[in-house]
Each structure stands twice: as structure tokens, then as C-alpha cells.
Amino acid sequence: MRNILRVLFLGSLALTTGYAFAAPPTIMERPAGGTWVFDGVQYPFVCTFPLMMQGSGTEVTIDDLYGHGIERNFNFFPSFNVTLTDLRLGGRSLTFAALQANGETVNLTDGTAKFSALGPQLWIGDPDTGAQGLFETNGRLVWSAVWNPNGYWDLTSYERSGLKTDLCAALEA
């Protein structure tokens, strides 16, 4: 009985030691943003008309590497605003808080990854179908993928709930 308890204790110690002695997370806060112009011709996958997107705010990144090679990355934009402007004569503008309200990516040692996000997010292309457009979603998103030897991710599962807004259509309205 003593030997069994000793093995259980040493086994649990071995499993938790990697986490206990892992390096502390790296936290980085930096300004984020910029101006992007999509002309509707060179970038037809956004909107079919010329569009300017301006973003400004703060990005906070927390990177954490656990003792067993599992990497977790948290990204959130606590004060990030986006303004979209239809560049046609008399075009309208929309301003909103967008991009990931918070997101977490977990990269596992077997080459798989899981991403989850909650809150408003901005998408080039429909996140559900991949169709052309610019979309804002507000809700929950979870996907899992495996790294392909050809250098890209193969999606293995995808789940999204919440609202979805076609921003190109909203600018044309």
C-alpha cells in the first residue's frame, strides 16, 4: 500500500512540476492600428466598392509557455475602435469597437491548435462561408485545427454563435 501511495504521489508531483517551474507569462501592451484602403478591384474579396478602414487603440498580449511545451496566447483589444468609410462620392462612415474583444490560442505539442474568442470581431470574408465581404460578429467562436505539412492550418472543427453583420451592405444602405 505504501508503495502504491508513493508511486501516486511521485507521479502527481512529476505532472505538476512542469507547471510549477514554468517561466512566468510575458505580458505586452502596445498601441495598435493603422489605415488600410481596399479599392474594390485589387482587393475584391472585401467590398465591391472602394473602402477605407482606420483602426486605433491598444492591444494586450499575454504569452504563456507551460512546462510540457503547451503554448497559450491571449490577445485582447480593450479600447480598439474601427472606422469604415465608403470612398465613393457621398459615401457613409461607420465607427464601432471591433476586432477580438478577447481571444485565446492554445498550441499543443502534437501540432494542433484551438482558438476561442468572445465578443466583437472583424472579419475579411464571411466567417461561416468564406464568401466575399467585410463582417462583424459578436458572440462566441471556437475552432480547432491541425498544422498541415504544406504550411497552413486544416480546420477540424468550427462553432460560432451570436450576431453577424454584413458591413459592406451596411455602408451601402
N, C-alpha and C. Protein backbone atom coordinates (compact mmCIF):
# COMPACT_ATOMS: atom_id res chain seq x y z
N MET A 1 0.82 -1.19 0.00
CA MET A 1 0.00 0.00 0.00
C MET A 1 0.87 1.26 0.00
N ARG A 2 1.94 1.22 0.81
CA ARG A 2 2.85 2.37 0.86
C ARG A 2 3.46 2.64 -0.51
N ASN A 3 3.85 1.57 -1.18
CA ASN A 3 4.47 1.74 -2.50
C ASN A 3 3.49 2.34 -3.50
N ILE A 4 2.25 1.93 -3.42
CA ILE A 4 1.23 2.48 -4.32
C ILE A 4 1.04 3.96 -4.04
N LEU A 5 0.95 4.33 -2.77
CA LEU A 5 0.81 5.74 -2.42
C LEU A 5 2.04 6.54 -2.85
N ARG A 6 3.22 5.96 -2.67
CA ARG A 6 4.45 6.63 -3.08
C ARG A 6 4.47 6.86 -4.59
N VAL A 7 4.08 5.86 -5.37
CA VAL A 7 4.03 5.99 -6.83
C VAL A 7 3.01 7.05 -7.24
N LEU A 8 1.84 7.04 -6.60
CA LEU A 8 0.82 8.04 -6.92
C LEU A 8 1.31 9.45 -6.59
N PHE A 9 1.96 9.59 -5.45
CA PHE A 9 2.48 10.91 -5.05
C PHE A 9 3.56 11.38 -6.02
N LEU A 10 4.51 10.53 -6.33
CA LEU A 10 5.60 10.92 -7.24
C LEU A 10 5.08 11.19 -8.65
N GLY A 11 4.10 10.41 -9.07
CA GLY A 11 3.50 10.65 -10.39
C GLY A 11 2.79 11.98 -10.46
N SER A 12 2.02 12.31 -9.44
CA SER A 12 1.33 13.60 -9.43
C SER A 12 2.32 14.76 -9.32
N LEU A 13 3.40 14.55 -8.57
CA LEU A 13 4.44 15.57 -8.46
C LEU A 13 5.10 15.80 -9.82
N ALA A 14 5.38 14.72 -10.52
CA ALA A 14 6.00 14.85 -11.85
C ALA A 14 5.09 15.58 -12.83
N LEU A 15 3.80 15.35 -12.75
CA LEU A 15 2.86 16.01 -13.65
C LEU A 15 2.72 17.50 -13.36
N THR A 16 2.80 17.87 -12.10
CA THR A 16 2.58 19.27 -11.74
C THR A 16 3.87 20.08 -11.70
N THR A 17 5.02 19.45 -11.63
CA THR A 17 6.28 20.18 -11.52
C THR A 17 6.52 21.05 -12.75
N GLY A 18 6.22 20.56 -13.92
CA GLY A 18 6.43 21.35 -15.14
C GLY A 18 5.67 22.66 -15.09
N TYR A 19 4.46 22.64 -14.56
CA TYR A 19 3.68 23.86 -14.47
C TYR A 19 4.19 24.77 -13.36
N ALA A 20 4.61 24.18 -12.26
CA ALA A 20 5.07 24.97 -11.12
C ALA A 20 6.36 25.72 -11.42
N PHE A 21 7.24 25.14 -12.23
CA PHE A 21 8.52 25.77 -12.52
C PHE A 21 8.58 26.41 -13.90
N ALA A 22 7.46 26.53 -14.58
CA ALA A 22 7.44 27.18 -15.88
C ALA A 22 7.69 28.67 -15.71
N ALA A 23 8.23 29.28 -16.74
CA ALA A 23 8.51 30.72 -16.70
C ALA A 23 7.20 31.49 -16.56
N PRO A 24 7.24 32.66 -15.92
CA PRO A 24 6.03 33.46 -15.81
C PRO A 24 5.59 33.96 -17.19
N PRO A 25 4.33 34.28 -17.35
CA PRO A 25 3.85 34.74 -18.65
C PRO A 25 4.48 36.08 -19.03
N THR A 26 4.58 36.30 -20.34
CA THR A 26 5.06 37.57 -20.88
C THR A 26 3.84 38.41 -21.22
N ILE A 27 3.77 39.61 -20.67
CA ILE A 27 2.64 40.50 -20.91
C ILE A 27 3.15 41.72 -21.65
N MET A 28 2.53 42.02 -22.79
CA MET A 28 2.95 43.16 -23.59
C MET A 28 1.73 43.99 -23.97
N GLU A 29 1.82 45.29 -23.73
CA GLU A 29 0.76 46.22 -24.13
C GLU A 29 1.38 47.21 -25.10
N ARG A 30 0.70 47.43 -26.23
CA ARG A 30 1.24 48.33 -27.25
C ARG A 30 0.11 48.98 -28.03
N PRO A 31 0.40 50.15 -28.59
CA PRO A 31 -0.59 50.77 -29.46
C PRO A 31 -0.76 49.92 -30.72
N ALA A 32 -1.96 49.89 -31.23
CA ALA A 32 -2.24 49.11 -32.44
C ALA A 32 -3.12 49.93 -33.35
N GLY A 33 -3.02 49.66 -34.63
CA GLY A 33 -3.90 50.33 -35.57
C GLY A 33 -3.20 50.69 -36.86
N GLY A 34 -3.91 51.42 -37.68
CA GLY A 34 -3.39 51.84 -38.97
C GLY A 34 -4.54 52.21 -39.89
N THR A 35 -4.17 52.52 -41.13
CA THR A 35 -5.15 52.86 -42.16
C THR A 35 -4.92 51.93 -43.34
N TRP A 36 -6.00 51.32 -43.83
CA TRP A 36 -5.94 50.41 -44.97
C TRP A 36 -6.98 50.85 -45.98
N VAL A 37 -6.60 50.87 -47.26
CA VAL A 37 -7.53 51.22 -48.33
C VAL A 37 -7.70 49.99 -49.22
N PHE A 38 -8.94 49.60 -49.42
CA PHE A 38 -9.29 48.49 -50.30
C PHE A 38 -10.05 49.10 -51.47
N ASP A 39 -9.49 48.97 -52.68
CA ASP A 39 -10.05 49.69 -53.82
C ASP A 39 -11.21 49.00 -54.51
N GLY A 40 -11.57 47.81 -54.10
CA GLY A 40 -12.68 47.10 -54.72
C GLY A 40 -12.28 46.36 -55.98
N VAL A 41 -11.08 46.63 -56.50
CA VAL A 41 -10.59 45.94 -57.69
C VAL A 41 -9.42 45.03 -57.31
N GLN A 42 -8.38 45.63 -56.75
CA GLN A 42 -7.22 44.85 -56.34
C GLN A 42 -7.57 43.94 -55.17
N TYR A 43 -8.49 44.39 -54.33
CA TYR A 43 -8.92 43.61 -53.17
C TYR A 43 -10.43 43.35 -53.26
N PRO A 44 -10.87 42.60 -54.28
CA PRO A 44 -12.32 42.40 -54.44
C PRO A 44 -12.93 41.49 -53.38
N PHE A 45 -12.09 40.87 -52.57
CA PHE A 45 -12.61 39.96 -51.54
C PHE A 45 -13.15 40.72 -50.34
N VAL A 46 -12.98 42.04 -50.29
CA VAL A 46 -13.52 42.83 -49.19
C VAL A 46 -14.89 43.31 -49.61
N CYS A 47 -15.00 44.51 -50.14
CA CYS A 47 -16.26 45.01 -50.68
C CYS A 47 -16.07 45.29 -52.16
N THR A 48 -17.15 45.42 -52.90
CA THR A 48 -17.04 45.66 -54.34
C THR A 48 -16.84 47.14 -54.66
N PHE A 49 -16.73 47.98 -53.66
CA PHE A 49 -16.51 49.41 -53.83
C PHE A 49 -15.30 49.83 -53.00
N PRO A 50 -14.70 51.00 -53.32
CA PRO A 50 -13.53 51.44 -52.56
C PRO A 50 -13.89 51.72 -51.10
N LEU A 51 -13.04 51.27 -50.22
CA LEU A 51 -13.30 51.32 -48.79
C LEU A 51 -12.02 51.67 -48.04
N MET A 52 -12.14 52.55 -47.05
CA MET A 52 -11.01 52.83 -46.17
C MET A 52 -11.36 52.34 -44.77
N MET A 53 -10.40 51.65 -44.15
CA MET A 53 -10.58 51.16 -42.79
C MET A 53 -9.48 51.78 -41.93
N GLN A 54 -9.89 52.46 -40.87
CA GLN A 54 -8.95 53.06 -39.94
C GLN A 54 -9.20 52.46 -38.56
N GLY A 55 -8.13 52.03 -37.93
CA GLY A 55 -8.24 51.44 -36.60
C GLY A 55 -7.24 52.06 -35.66
N SER A 56 -7.66 52.21 -34.41
CA SER A 56 -6.73 52.73 -33.41
C SER A 56 -7.15 52.22 -32.04
N GLY A 57 -6.15 52.01 -31.21
CA GLY A 57 -6.42 51.55 -29.85
C GLY A 57 -5.21 50.88 -29.25
N THR A 58 -5.47 49.95 -28.37
CA THR A 58 -4.43 49.25 -27.63
C THR A 58 -4.61 47.75 -27.79
N GLU A 59 -3.50 47.05 -27.93
CA GLU A 59 -3.52 45.59 -27.95
C GLU A 59 -2.73 45.10 -26.74
N VAL A 60 -3.28 44.14 -26.05
CA VAL A 60 -2.58 43.50 -24.94
C VAL A 60 -2.40 42.02 -25.30
N THR A 61 -1.17 41.54 -25.19
CA THR A 61 -0.85 40.16 -25.50
C THR A 61 -0.23 39.51 -24.27
N ILE A 62 -0.70 38.33 -23.93
CA ILE A 62 -0.13 37.55 -22.84
C ILE A 62 0.27 36.20 -23.43
N ASP A 63 1.57 35.93 -23.42
CA ASP A 63 2.10 34.66 -23.92
C ASP A 63 2.56 33.82 -22.73
N ASP A 64 2.15 32.57 -22.74
CA ASP A 64 2.45 31.68 -21.62
C ASP A 64 2.91 30.34 -22.18
N LEU A 65 4.07 29.88 -21.76
CA LEU A 65 4.57 28.58 -22.19
C LEU A 65 4.61 27.67 -20.97
N TYR A 66 3.82 26.62 -21.02
CA TYR A 66 3.77 25.68 -19.90
C TYR A 66 4.93 24.71 -19.98
N GLY A 67 5.18 24.02 -18.91
CA GLY A 67 6.32 23.13 -18.80
C GLY A 67 6.35 21.96 -19.78
N HIS A 68 5.24 21.62 -20.37
CA HIS A 68 5.19 20.47 -21.28
C HIS A 68 5.11 20.90 -22.73
N GLY A 69 5.52 22.13 -23.04
CA GLY A 69 5.54 22.61 -24.42
C GLY A 69 4.21 23.12 -24.92
N ILE A 70 3.22 23.24 -24.06
CA ILE A 70 1.92 23.78 -24.47
C ILE A 70 2.00 25.29 -24.39
N GLU A 71 1.66 25.95 -25.48
CA GLU A 71 1.76 27.41 -25.56
C GLU A 71 0.36 28.01 -25.60
N ARG A 72 0.13 29.04 -24.76
CA ARG A 72 -1.15 29.74 -24.76
C ARG A 72 -0.90 31.21 -25.04
N ASN A 73 -1.70 31.77 -25.92
CA ASN A 73 -1.59 33.18 -26.26
C ASN A 73 -2.96 33.83 -26.06
N PHE A 74 -3.01 34.88 -25.26
CA PHE A 74 -4.22 35.66 -25.08
C PHE A 74 -4.00 37.00 -25.77
N ASN A 75 -4.94 37.41 -26.60
CA ASN A 75 -4.91 38.73 -27.22
C ASN A 75 -6.23 39.41 -26.94
N PHE A 76 -6.16 40.66 -26.53
CA PHE A 76 -7.38 41.42 -26.41
C PHE A 76 -7.10 42.88 -26.70
N PHE A 77 -8.13 43.56 -27.14
CA PHE A 77 -8.06 44.94 -27.58
C PHE A 77 -9.04 45.74 -26.74
N PRO A 78 -8.62 46.17 -25.55
CA PRO A 78 -9.58 46.77 -24.62
C PRO A 78 -10.16 48.10 -25.07
N SER A 79 -9.50 48.79 -25.97
CA SER A 79 -10.01 50.11 -26.39
C SER A 79 -9.77 50.33 -27.87
N PHE A 80 -10.13 49.36 -28.69
CA PHE A 80 -9.85 49.43 -30.12
C PHE A 80 -11.10 49.84 -30.89
N ASN A 81 -10.99 50.91 -31.67
CA ASN A 81 -12.11 51.39 -32.48
C ASN A 81 -11.75 51.32 -33.95
N VAL A 82 -12.74 51.05 -34.77
CA VAL A 82 -12.56 50.96 -36.22
C VAL A 82 -13.56 51.89 -36.89
N THR A 83 -13.08 52.64 -37.87
CA THR A 83 -13.96 53.46 -38.70
C THR A 83 -13.85 52.96 -40.13
N LEU A 84 -14.98 52.63 -40.73
CA LEU A 84 -15.05 52.22 -42.14
C LEU A 84 -15.67 53.36 -42.92
N THR A 85 -15.06 53.71 -44.05
CA THR A 85 -15.58 54.79 -44.88
C THR A 85 -15.70 54.31 -46.31
N ASP A 86 -16.89 54.46 -46.88
CA ASP A 86 -17.14 54.21 -48.30
C ASP A 86 -16.51 55.38 -49.04
N LEU A 87 -15.52 55.13 -49.91
CA LEU A 87 -14.77 56.20 -50.56
C LEU A 87 -15.45 56.75 -51.80
N ARG A 88 -16.62 56.24 -52.14
CA ARG A 88 -17.35 56.83 -53.26
C ARG A 88 -17.91 58.17 -52.83
N LEU A 89 -18.17 59.02 -53.79
CA LEU A 89 -18.69 60.37 -53.50
C LEU A 89 -19.94 60.26 -52.64
N GLY A 90 -19.93 60.95 -51.52
CA GLY A 90 -21.09 60.93 -50.63
C GLY A 90 -21.22 59.65 -49.83
N GLY A 91 -20.15 58.83 -49.80
CA GLY A 91 -20.22 57.57 -49.07
C GLY A 91 -20.32 57.79 -47.57
N ARG A 92 -20.85 56.84 -46.90
CA ARG A 92 -21.05 57.00 -45.46
C ARG A 92 -19.95 56.30 -44.67
N SER A 93 -19.88 56.63 -43.38
CA SER A 93 -18.89 56.04 -42.48
C SER A 93 -19.61 55.34 -41.34
N LEU A 94 -18.97 54.30 -40.84
CA LEU A 94 -19.44 53.59 -39.65
C LEU A 94 -18.27 53.50 -38.67
N THR A 95 -18.50 53.77 -37.41
CA THR A 95 -17.47 53.64 -36.39
C THR A 95 -17.99 52.69 -35.31
N PHE A 96 -17.15 51.76 -34.92
CA PHE A 96 -17.56 50.80 -33.90
C PHE A 96 -16.33 50.20 -33.24
N ALA A 97 -16.54 49.62 -32.07
CA ALA A 97 -15.49 48.87 -31.39
C ALA A 97 -15.49 47.48 -32.00
N ALA A 98 -14.35 47.05 -32.46
CA ALA A 98 -14.31 45.76 -33.16
C ALA A 98 -13.03 45.02 -32.85
N LEU A 99 -12.74 44.08 -33.70
CA LEU A 99 -11.66 43.12 -33.53
C LEU A 99 -11.94 42.27 -32.31
N GLN A 100 -11.03 41.41 -31.99
CA GLN A 100 -11.28 40.49 -30.88
C GLN A 100 -11.43 41.24 -29.58
N ALA A 101 -12.55 41.07 -28.95
CA ALA A 101 -12.69 41.58 -27.59
C ALA A 101 -11.73 40.81 -26.70
N ASN A 102 -11.67 39.53 -26.89
CA ASN A 102 -10.65 38.70 -26.27
C ASN A 102 -10.54 37.41 -27.06
N GLY A 103 -9.36 36.90 -27.14
CA GLY A 103 -9.14 35.66 -27.87
C GLY A 103 -8.02 34.86 -27.24
N GLU A 104 -8.11 33.55 -27.33
CA GLU A 104 -7.10 32.67 -26.77
C GLU A 104 -6.75 31.61 -27.80
N THR A 105 -5.47 31.43 -28.03
CA THR A 105 -4.99 30.36 -28.89
C THR A 105 -4.14 29.43 -28.04
N VAL A 106 -4.39 28.14 -28.14
CA VAL A 106 -3.59 27.14 -27.44
C VAL A 106 -2.95 26.27 -28.50
N ASN A 107 -1.60 26.27 -28.54
CA ASN A 107 -0.86 25.42 -29.47
C ASN A 107 -0.31 24.23 -28.70
N LEU A 108 -0.68 23.04 -29.13
CA LEU A 108 -0.25 21.82 -28.44
C LEU A 108 0.96 21.22 -29.14
N THR A 109 1.68 20.39 -28.44
CA THR A 109 2.92 19.82 -28.97
C THR A 109 2.67 18.86 -30.14
N ASP A 110 1.45 18.37 -30.31
CA ASP A 110 1.17 17.44 -31.41
C ASP A 110 0.84 18.15 -32.71
N GLY A 111 1.00 19.49 -32.77
CA GLY A 111 0.73 20.24 -34.00
C GLY A 111 -0.69 20.70 -34.14
N THR A 112 -1.51 20.53 -33.13
CA THR A 112 -2.88 21.01 -33.19
C THR A 112 -2.99 22.33 -32.43
N ALA A 113 -4.05 23.06 -32.74
CA ALA A 113 -4.29 24.34 -32.07
C ALA A 113 -5.78 24.51 -31.87
N LYS A 114 -6.13 25.27 -30.85
CA LYS A 114 -7.52 25.60 -30.58
C LYS A 114 -7.60 27.09 -30.34
N PHE A 115 -8.55 27.74 -30.99
CA PHE A 115 -8.74 29.18 -30.84
C PHE A 115 -10.15 29.40 -30.31
N SER A 116 -10.28 30.30 -29.35
CA SER A 116 -11.61 30.67 -28.87
C SER A 116 -11.63 32.17 -28.64
N ALA A 117 -12.76 32.78 -28.93
CA ALA A 117 -12.91 34.23 -28.75
C ALA A 117 -14.33 34.52 -28.32
N LEU A 118 -14.47 35.63 -27.63
CA LEU A 118 -15.77 36.07 -27.14
C LEU A 118 -15.84 37.57 -27.32
N GLY A 119 -16.92 38.04 -27.95
CA GLY A 119 -17.09 39.48 -28.12
C GLY A 119 -17.04 39.87 -29.58
N PRO A 120 -16.94 41.17 -29.85
CA PRO A 120 -16.96 41.65 -31.25
C PRO A 120 -15.66 41.32 -31.97
N GLN A 121 -15.79 40.91 -33.23
CA GLN A 121 -14.64 40.58 -34.07
C GLN A 121 -14.91 41.07 -35.48
N LEU A 122 -13.87 41.49 -36.18
CA LEU A 122 -13.96 41.97 -37.55
C LEU A 122 -13.37 40.92 -38.47
N TRP A 123 -14.08 40.62 -39.58
CA TRP A 123 -13.67 39.56 -40.49
C TRP A 123 -13.61 40.08 -41.92
N ILE A 124 -12.53 39.81 -42.63
CA ILE A 124 -12.49 39.99 -44.09
C ILE A 124 -12.91 38.65 -44.65
N GLY A 125 -14.09 38.60 -45.23
CA GLY A 125 -14.71 37.36 -45.67
C GLY A 125 -15.70 36.87 -44.61
N ASP A 126 -16.76 36.25 -45.07
CA ASP A 126 -17.78 35.71 -44.17
C ASP A 126 -17.17 34.59 -43.33
N PRO A 127 -17.18 34.71 -42.01
CA PRO A 127 -16.54 33.68 -41.18
C PRO A 127 -17.21 32.31 -41.26
N ASP A 128 -18.45 32.28 -41.71
CA ASP A 128 -19.17 31.00 -41.79
C ASP A 128 -19.02 30.33 -43.15
N THR A 129 -18.97 31.15 -44.23
CA THR A 129 -18.96 30.58 -45.57
C THR A 129 -17.71 30.90 -46.37
N GLY A 130 -16.95 31.91 -45.95
CA GLY A 130 -15.78 32.33 -46.71
C GLY A 130 -16.12 33.26 -47.86
N ALA A 131 -17.39 33.61 -48.02
CA ALA A 131 -17.80 34.48 -49.13
C ALA A 131 -17.22 35.89 -48.97
N GLN A 132 -17.13 36.59 -50.08
CA GLN A 132 -16.60 37.95 -50.11
C GLN A 132 -17.35 38.87 -49.17
N GLY A 133 -16.65 39.83 -48.58
CA GLY A 133 -17.31 40.83 -47.76
C GLY A 133 -16.49 41.20 -46.54
N LEU A 134 -17.03 42.10 -45.77
CA LEU A 134 -16.45 42.54 -44.51
C LEU A 134 -17.54 42.38 -43.47
N PHE A 135 -17.27 41.65 -42.41
CA PHE A 135 -18.31 41.28 -41.45
C PHE A 135 -17.86 41.57 -40.03
N GLU A 136 -18.83 41.89 -39.19
CA GLU A 136 -18.59 41.97 -37.76
C GLU A 136 -19.44 40.89 -37.11
N THR A 137 -18.82 40.13 -36.23
CA THR A 137 -19.57 39.16 -35.44
C THR A 137 -19.47 39.58 -33.99
N ASN A 138 -20.48 39.23 -33.22
CA ASN A 138 -20.46 39.49 -31.80
C ASN A 138 -21.05 38.27 -31.13
N GLY A 139 -20.21 37.55 -30.43
CA GLY A 139 -20.66 36.31 -29.80
C GLY A 139 -19.47 35.45 -29.46
N ARG A 140 -19.65 34.15 -29.65
CA ARG A 140 -18.63 33.18 -29.27
C ARG A 140 -18.16 32.44 -30.52
N LEU A 141 -16.85 32.20 -30.57
CA LEU A 141 -16.25 31.46 -31.68
C LEU A 141 -15.23 30.49 -31.12
N VAL A 142 -15.28 29.24 -31.59
CA VAL A 142 -14.29 28.22 -31.20
C VAL A 142 -13.95 27.42 -32.45
N TRP A 143 -12.66 27.29 -32.74
CA TRP A 143 -12.25 26.40 -33.81
C TRP A 143 -11.00 25.64 -33.40
N SER A 144 -10.85 24.46 -33.99
CA SER A 144 -9.66 23.64 -33.79
C SER A 144 -9.07 23.34 -35.16
N ALA A 145 -7.75 23.20 -35.20
CA ALA A 145 -7.08 22.94 -36.47
C ALA A 145 -5.83 22.13 -36.22
N VAL A 146 -5.32 21.53 -37.31
CA VAL A 146 -4.06 20.80 -37.26
C VAL A 146 -3.15 21.41 -38.32
N TRP A 147 -1.85 21.53 -38.00
CA TRP A 147 -0.89 22.13 -38.92
C TRP A 147 -0.60 21.16 -40.05
N ASN A 148 -0.75 21.63 -41.29
CA ASN A 148 -0.54 20.84 -42.48
C ASN A 148 0.92 20.96 -42.91
N PRO A 149 1.56 19.90 -43.36
CA PRO A 149 2.96 19.97 -43.80
C PRO A 149 3.18 20.97 -44.94
N ASN A 150 2.11 21.34 -45.66
CA ASN A 150 2.24 22.31 -46.75
C ASN A 150 2.27 23.74 -46.24
N GLY A 151 2.19 23.94 -44.93
CA GLY A 151 2.36 25.27 -44.36
C GLY A 151 1.08 26.04 -44.07
N TYR A 152 -0.02 25.36 -43.85
CA TYR A 152 -1.25 26.05 -43.48
C TYR A 152 -2.05 25.17 -42.52
N TRP A 153 -3.09 25.77 -41.93
CA TRP A 153 -3.92 25.06 -40.96
C TRP A 153 -5.08 24.37 -41.66
N ASP A 154 -5.36 23.13 -41.30
CA ASP A 154 -6.57 22.42 -41.73
C ASP A 154 -7.57 22.49 -40.60
N LEU A 155 -8.71 23.09 -40.86
CA LEU A 155 -9.75 23.24 -39.85
C LEU A 155 -10.36 21.88 -39.55
N THR A 156 -10.42 21.52 -38.27
CA THR A 156 -11.02 20.24 -37.88
C THR A 156 -12.37 20.42 -37.21
N SER A 157 -12.63 21.59 -36.63
CA SER A 157 -13.95 21.88 -36.07
C SER A 157 -14.14 23.39 -36.03
N TYR A 158 -15.41 23.81 -36.12
CA TYR A 158 -15.74 25.24 -36.14
C TYR A 158 -17.12 25.42 -35.54
N GLU A 159 -17.24 26.34 -34.61
CA GLU A 159 -18.53 26.63 -33.99
C GLU A 159 -18.60 28.12 -33.70
N ARG A 160 -19.67 28.77 -34.14
CA ARG A 160 -19.85 30.19 -33.88
C ARG A 160 -21.30 30.44 -33.51
N SER A 161 -21.50 31.30 -32.52
CA SER A 161 -22.86 31.69 -32.14
C SER A 161 -22.87 33.19 -31.92
N GLY A 162 -24.02 33.79 -32.09
CA GLY A 162 -24.15 35.24 -31.90
C GLY A 162 -24.56 35.94 -33.18
N LEU A 163 -24.41 37.24 -33.18
CA LEU A 163 -24.85 38.07 -34.30
C LEU A 163 -23.76 38.20 -35.35
N LYS A 164 -24.18 38.40 -36.61
CA LYS A 164 -23.26 38.65 -37.71
C LYS A 164 -23.84 39.78 -38.55
N THR A 165 -23.01 40.80 -38.85
CA THR A 165 -23.45 41.96 -39.64
C THR A 165 -22.58 42.09 -40.87
N ASP A 166 -23.20 42.21 -42.05
CA ASP A 166 -22.50 42.47 -43.30
C ASP A 166 -22.21 43.96 -43.37
N LEU A 167 -20.96 44.36 -43.14
CA LEU A 167 -20.61 45.78 -43.08
C LEU A 167 -20.60 46.44 -44.44
N CYS A 168 -20.32 45.71 -45.51
CA CYS A 168 -20.40 46.29 -46.85
C CYS A 168 -21.84 46.69 -47.15
N ALA A 169 -22.77 45.82 -46.83
CA ALA A 169 -24.19 46.14 -47.03
C ALA A 169 -24.63 47.31 -46.15
N ALA A 170 -24.12 47.36 -44.92
CA ALA A 170 -24.48 48.46 -44.02
C ALA A 170 -23.96 49.80 -44.54
N LEU A 171 -22.77 49.80 -45.16
CA LEU A 171 -22.24 51.04 -45.73
C LEU A 171 -23.01 51.48 -46.96
N GLU A 172 -23.55 50.53 -47.71
CA GLU A 172 -24.31 50.86 -48.93
C GLU A 172 -25.74 51.28 -48.63
N ALA A 173 -26.24 50.98 -47.45
CA ALA A 173 -27.65 51.27 -47.12
C ALA A 173 -27.91 52.78 -47.01
